C-alpha atoms as a PDB file:
ATOM      1  CA  MET A   1    -238.561-226.603 -63.550  1.00  0.00           C
ATOM      2  CA  ASP A   2    -236.405-227.546 -66.516  1.00  0.00           C
ATOM      3  CA  LYS A   3    -237.307-226.469 -70.036  1.00  0.00           C
ATOM      4  CA  ALA A   4    -237.817-230.180 -70.861  1.00  0.00           C
ATOM      5  CA  ASP A   5    -240.301-230.498 -68.090  1.00  0.00           C
ATOM      6  CA  ARG A   6    -242.623-227.694 -69.424  1.00  0.00           C
ATOM      7  CA  SER A   7    -245.375-228.409 -71.923  1.00  0.00           C
ATOM      8  CA  PRO A   8    -245.267-226.561 -75.251  1.00  0.00           C
ATOM      9  CA  ALA A   9    -248.312-224.419 -74.134  1.00  0.00           C
ATOM     10  CA  GLU A  10    -246.417-223.260 -71.006  1.00  0.00           C
ATOM     11  CA  ARG A  11    -243.338-222.552 -73.149  1.00  0.00           C
ATOM     12  CA  LEU A  12    -245.544-220.512 -75.421  1.00  0.00           C
ATOM     13  CA  CYS A  13    -247.031-218.449 -72.592  1.00  0.00           C
ATOM     14  CA  GLY A  14    -243.540-218.004 -71.154  1.00  0.00           C
ATOM     15  CA  MET A  15    -242.059-216.856 -74.492  1.00  0.00           C
ATOM     16  CA  ILE A  16    -244.977-214.395 -75.052  1.00  0.00           C
ATOM     17  CA  GLY A  17    -244.480-213.081 -71.536  1.00  0.00           C
ATOM     18  CA  LEU A  18    -240.669-212.589 -72.239  1.00  0.00           C
ATOM     19  CA  ALA A  19    -241.465-210.650 -75.457  1.00  0.00           C
ATOM     20  CA  ALA A  20    -243.893-208.498 -73.402  1.00  0.00           C
ATOM     21  CA  ARG A  21    -241.247-207.766 -70.834  1.00  0.00           C
ATOM     22  CA  ALA A  22    -238.784-206.853 -73.607  1.00  0.00           C
ATOM     23  CA  ARG A  23    -241.477-204.428 -74.972  1.00  0.00           C
ATOM     24  CA  LYS A  24    -241.465-206.316 -78.289  1.00  0.00           C
ATOM     25  CA  LEU A  25    -245.359-206.856 -78.461  1.00  0.00           C
ATOM     26  CA  SER A  26    -248.185-204.693 -79.725  1.00  0.00           C
ATOM     27  CA  LEU A  27    -251.293-205.833 -77.574  1.00  0.00           C
ATOM     28  CA  GLY A  28    -254.866-205.705 -78.722  1.00  0.00           C
ATOM     29  CA  ALA A  29    -256.459-206.000 -82.195  1.00  0.00           C
ATOM     30  CA  GLU A  30    -256.220-202.244 -83.007  1.00  0.00           C
ATOM     31  CA  LEU A  31    -252.479-201.877 -82.194  1.00  0.00           C
ATOM     32  CA  THR A  32    -251.771-205.120 -83.781  1.00  0.00           C
ATOM     33  CA  THR A  33    -253.234-204.117 -87.114  1.00  0.00           C
ATOM     34  CA  GLN A  34    -251.290-200.732 -86.817  1.00  0.00           C
ATOM     35  CA  SER A  35    -248.129-202.639 -86.254  1.00  0.00           C
ATOM     36  CA  VAL A  36    -248.672-204.778 -89.315  1.00  0.00           C
ATOM     37  CA  ARG A  37    -249.508-201.756 -91.562  1.00  0.00           C
ATOM     38  CA  SER A  38    -246.401-200.035 -90.431  1.00  0.00           C
ATOM     39  CA  GLY A  39    -244.302-203.013 -91.128  1.00  0.00           C
ATOM     40  CA  ARG A  40    -242.971-203.464 -87.516  1.00  0.00           C
ATOM     41  CA  ALA A  41    -244.737-206.832 -87.006  1.00  0.00           C
ATOM     42  CA  HIS A  42    -242.862-210.059 -87.733  1.00  0.00           C
ATOM     43  CA  MET A  43    -245.646-212.258 -86.580  1.00  0.00           C
ATOM     44  CA  VAL A  44    -249.153-211.800 -85.271  1.00  0.00           C
ATOM     45  CA  LEU A  45    -250.803-214.183 -82.649  1.00  0.00           C
ATOM     46  CA  VAL A  46    -254.599-214.368 -82.345  1.00  0.00           C
ATOM     47  CA  ALA A  47    -256.308-216.075 -79.413  1.00  0.00           C
ATOM     48  CA  HIS A  48    -258.505-219.167 -80.327  1.00  0.00           C
ATOM     49  CA  ASP A  49    -261.504-217.611 -78.701  1.00  0.00           C
ATOM     50  CA  ALA A  50    -261.300-214.178 -80.340  1.00  0.00           C
ATOM     51  CA  SER A  51    -264.529-213.031 -81.996  1.00  0.00           C
ATOM     52  CA  LYS A  52    -265.082-213.889 -85.653  1.00  0.00           C
ATOM     53  CA  ASN A  53    -264.959-210.207 -86.530  1.00  0.00           C
ATOM     54  CA  THR A  54    -261.638-209.625 -84.800  1.00  0.00           C
ATOM     55  CA  GLN A  55    -260.183-212.952 -86.400  1.00  0.00           C
ATOM     56  CA  LYS A  56    -261.372-211.767 -89.923  1.00  0.00           C
ATOM     57  CA  ARG A  57    -260.093-208.163 -89.403  1.00  0.00           C
ATOM     58  CA  VAL A  58    -256.556-209.334 -88.083  1.00  0.00           C
ATOM     59  CA  PHE A  59    -256.115-212.246 -90.561  1.00  0.00           C
ATOM     60  CA  ASN A  60    -257.194-210.040 -93.613  1.00  0.00           C
ATOM     61  CA  CYS A  61    -254.769-207.275 -92.514  1.00  0.00           C
ATOM     62  CA  CYS A  62    -252.023-209.877 -92.095  1.00  0.00           C
ATOM     63  CA  GLU A  63    -252.734-211.400 -95.513  1.00  0.00           C
ATOM     64  CA  TYR A  64    -252.875-208.043 -97.274  1.00  0.00           C
ATOM     65  CA  TYR A  65    -249.481-206.929 -95.771  1.00  0.00           C
ATOM     66  CA  GLU A  66    -247.876-210.401 -96.080  1.00  0.00           C
ATOM     67  CA  CYS A  67    -247.332-210.875 -92.352  1.00  0.00           C
ATOM     68  CA  GLU A  68    -247.354-214.252 -90.653  1.00  0.00           C
ATOM     69  CA  CYS A  69    -250.458-214.762 -88.546  1.00  0.00           C
ATOM     70  CA  ARG A  70    -251.125-217.718 -86.300  1.00  0.00           C
ATOM     71  CA  GLU A  71    -254.103-218.758 -84.115  1.00  0.00           C
ATOM     72  CA  ILE A  72    -252.634-219.908 -80.766  1.00  0.00           C
ATOM     73  CA  PRO A  73    -254.152-222.566 -78.521  1.00  0.00           C
ATOM     74  CA  ALA A  74    -254.479-220.020 -75.663  1.00  0.00           C
ATOM     75  CA  GLY A  75    -257.570-217.986 -75.053  1.00  0.00           C
ATOM     76  CA  ALA A  76    -257.803-214.271 -74.616  1.00  0.00           C
ATOM     77  CA  ALA A  77    -257.676-214.526 -70.754  1.00  0.00           C
ATOM     78  CA  GLU A  78    -254.652-216.754 -70.964  1.00  0.00           C
ATOM     79  CA  LEU A  79    -252.914-214.470 -73.455  1.00  0.00           C
ATOM     80  CA  ALA A  80    -253.614-211.475 -71.040  1.00  0.00           C
ATOM     81  CA  ASN A  81    -252.268-213.473 -68.084  1.00  0.00           C
ATOM     82  CA  ALA A  82    -249.047-214.310 -70.005  1.00  0.00           C
ATOM     83  CA  VAL A  83    -248.242-210.686 -70.530  1.00  0.00           C
ATOM     84  CA  GLY A  84    -249.203-209.614 -67.104  1.00  0.00           C
ATOM     85  CA  HIS A  85    -252.467-207.977 -67.691  1.00  0.00           C
ATOM     86  CA  SER A  86    -255.934-208.618 -66.279  1.00  0.00           C
ATOM     87  CA  GLY A  87    -258.978-208.855 -68.700  1.00  0.00           C
ATOM     88  CA  LEU A  88    -258.773-210.069 -72.304  1.00  0.00           C
ATOM     89  CA  ILE A  89    -256.227-209.617 -75.012  1.00  0.00           C
ATOM     90  CA  THR A  90    -257.362-211.209 -78.368  1.00  0.00           C
ATOM     91  CA  ALA A  91    -254.368-210.396 -80.561  1.00  0.00           C
ATOM     92  CA  ALA A  92    -250.638-209.421 -80.270  1.00  0.00           C
ATOM     93  CA  ALA A  93    -248.064-208.580 -82.743  1.00  0.00           C
ATOM     94  CA  VAL A  94    -244.435-209.690 -82.274  1.00  0.00           C
ATOM     95  CA  ASN A  95    -242.119-206.758 -83.256  1.00  0.00           C
ATOM     96  CA  ASP A  96    -238.873-208.634 -83.003  1.00  0.00           C
ATOM     97  CA  VAL A  97    -237.521-211.099 -85.538  1.00  0.00           C
ATOM     98  CA  HIS A  98    -235.784-213.334 -82.876  1.00  0.00           C
ATOM     99  CA  MET A  99    -238.804-213.458 -80.619  1.00  0.00           C
ATOM    100  CA  ALA A 100    -240.920-214.359 -83.559  1.00  0.00           C
ATOM    101  CA  LYS A 101    -238.481-217.093 -84.502  1.00  0.00           C
ATOM    102  CA  GLY A 102    -238.757-218.561 -80.920  1.00  0.00           C
ATOM    103  CA  ILE A 103    -242.475-218.417 -80.826  1.00  0.00           C
ATOM    104  CA  ARG A 104    -242.776-219.934 -84.270  1.00  0.00           C
ATOM    105  CA  LYS A 105    -240.635-222.950 -83.136  1.00  0.00           C
ATOM    106  CA  ILE A 106    -242.911-223.445 -80.209  1.00  0.00           C
ATOM    107  CA  LEU A 107    -246.031-223.319 -82.172  1.00  0.00           C
ATOM    108  CA  ASP A 108    -244.529-225.686 -84.653  1.00  0.00           C
ATOM    109  CA  ASP A 109    -243.861-228.094 -81.809  1.00  0.00           C
ATOM    110  CA  LEU A 110    -247.340-227.787 -80.595  1.00  0.00           C
ATOM    111  CA  SER A 111    -248.851-228.514 -84.077  1.00  0.00           C
ATOM    112  CA  SER A 112    -246.626-231.605 -84.491  1.00  0.00           C
ATOM    113  CA  THR A 113    -247.719-233.224 -81.309  1.00  0.00           C
END
Protein backbone atom coordinates (compact mmCIF):
# COMPACT_ATOMS: atom_id res chain seq x y z
CA MET A 1 0.00 0.00 0.00
CA ASP A 2 1.38 3.36 -1.08
CA LYS A 3 1.47 6.37 1.24
CA ALA A 4 -0.99 8.14 -1.08
CA ASP A 5 -3.45 5.23 -0.71
CA ARG A 6 -3.61 5.47 3.09
CA SER A 7 -6.10 7.69 4.87
CA PRO A 8 -4.75 10.40 7.18
CA ALA A 9 -6.08 8.44 10.19
CA GLU A 10 -4.10 5.35 9.12
CA ARG A 11 -1.01 7.51 8.55
CA LEU A 12 -1.45 9.01 12.03
CA CYS A 13 -1.61 5.58 13.68
CA GLY A 14 1.39 4.47 11.62
CA MET A 15 3.46 7.48 12.68
CA ILE A 16 2.48 6.98 16.34
CA GLY A 17 3.50 3.33 16.04
CA LEU A 18 6.82 4.35 14.50
CA ALA A 19 7.47 6.76 17.38
CA ALA A 20 6.67 3.98 19.85
CA ARG A 21 9.10 1.57 18.18
CA ALA A 22 11.75 4.29 18.26
CA ARG A 23 11.06 4.71 22.00
CA LYS A 24 10.15 8.37 21.53
CA LEU A 25 6.77 8.18 23.33
CA SER A 26 5.73 8.40 26.96
CA LEU A 27 2.48 6.45 27.28
CA GLY A 28 -0.33 7.05 29.74
CA ALA A 29 -1.58 10.23 31.40
CA GLU A 30 0.83 10.09 34.35
CA LEU A 31 4.00 9.50 32.29
CA THR A 32 2.81 12.07 29.78
CA THR A 33 2.48 14.80 32.42
CA GLN A 34 5.88 13.83 33.87
CA SER A 35 7.42 14.15 30.41
CA VAL A 36 5.84 17.59 29.94
CA ARG A 37 7.03 18.78 33.36
CA SER A 38 10.58 17.64 32.68
CA GLY A 39 10.64 19.43 29.31
CA ARG A 40 11.17 16.29 27.22
CA ALA A 41 7.78 16.42 25.46
CA HIS A 42 7.50 18.25 22.15
CA MET A 43 3.85 17.37 21.60
CA VAL A 44 1.11 15.63 23.56
CA LEU A 45 -1.65 13.52 22.03
CA VAL A 46 -4.91 12.83 23.87
CA ALA A 47 -7.47 10.25 22.73
CA HIS A 48 -10.85 11.75 21.89
CA ASP A 49 -12.63 9.40 24.30
CA ALA A 50 -10.39 10.08 27.33
CA SER A 51 -12.26 10.97 30.50
CA LYS A 52 -12.97 14.63 31.18
CA ASN A 53 -10.68 14.49 34.23
CA THR A 54 -7.78 13.09 32.19
CA GLN A 55 -8.33 15.62 29.41
CA LYS A 56 -8.41 18.51 31.88
CA ARG A 57 -5.31 17.31 33.76
CA VAL A 58 -3.25 16.80 30.59
CA PHE A 59 -4.43 19.97 28.80
CA ASN A 60 -3.84 22.12 31.90
CA CYS A 61 -0.34 20.70 32.38
CA CYS A 62 0.49 21.38 28.72
CA GLU A 63 -0.89 24.90 28.92
CA TYR A 64 1.13 25.69 32.05
CA TYR A 65 4.40 24.30 30.63
CA GLU A 66 3.67 25.67 27.12
CA CYS A 67 3.69 22.33 25.33
CA GLU A 68 1.53 21.68 22.28
CA CYS A 69 -1.39 19.39 23.10
CA ARG A 70 -3.77 17.96 20.49
CA GLU A 71 -6.85 15.78 20.74
CA ILE A 72 -6.58 13.06 18.12
CA PRO A 73 -9.44 11.44 16.21
CA ALA A 74 -8.45 8.01 17.55
CA GLY A 75 -9.88 6.46 20.69
CA ALA A 76 -7.93 5.04 23.62
CA ALA A 77 -8.17 1.49 22.24
CA GLU A 78 -6.94 2.60 18.79
CA LEU A 79 -4.05 4.49 20.36
CA ALA A 80 -3.09 1.41 22.36
CA ASN A 81 -3.32 -0.74 19.23
CA ALA A 82 -1.14 1.71 17.27
CA VAL A 83 1.69 1.34 19.82
CA GLY A 84 1.30 -2.43 20.13
CA HIS A 85 -0.43 -2.60 23.52
CA SER A 86 -3.69 -4.16 24.56
CA GLY A 87 -6.11 -2.21 26.70
CA LEU A 88 -6.47 1.56 26.69
CA ILE A 89 -3.97 4.43 26.40
CA THR A 90 -5.55 7.85 26.79
CA ALA A 91 -2.50 10.10 26.37
CA ALA A 92 0.98 10.00 24.86
CA ALA A 93 3.85 12.48 24.83
CA VAL A 94 6.04 12.65 21.73
CA ASN A 95 9.62 13.14 22.95
CA ASP A 96 11.30 13.77 19.59
CA VAL A 97 11.05 17.02 17.63
CA HIS A 98 11.08 15.29 14.22
CA MET A 99 8.40 12.76 15.16
CA ALA A 100 6.29 15.62 16.54
CA LYS A 101 6.70 17.53 13.27
CA GLY A 102 5.51 14.51 11.24
CA ILE A 103 2.52 13.91 13.50
CA ARG A 104 1.64 17.62 13.44
CA LYS A 105 1.61 17.56 9.61
CA ILE A 106 -0.71 14.55 9.57
CA LEU A 107 -3.03 16.15 12.14
CA ASP A 108 -3.12 19.35 10.08
CA ASP A 109 -4.02 17.29 6.99
CA LEU A 110 -6.82 15.65 8.98
CA SER A 111 -8.23 18.97 10.18
CA SER A 112 -8.16 20.50 6.69
CA THR A 113 -10.27 17.69 5.17
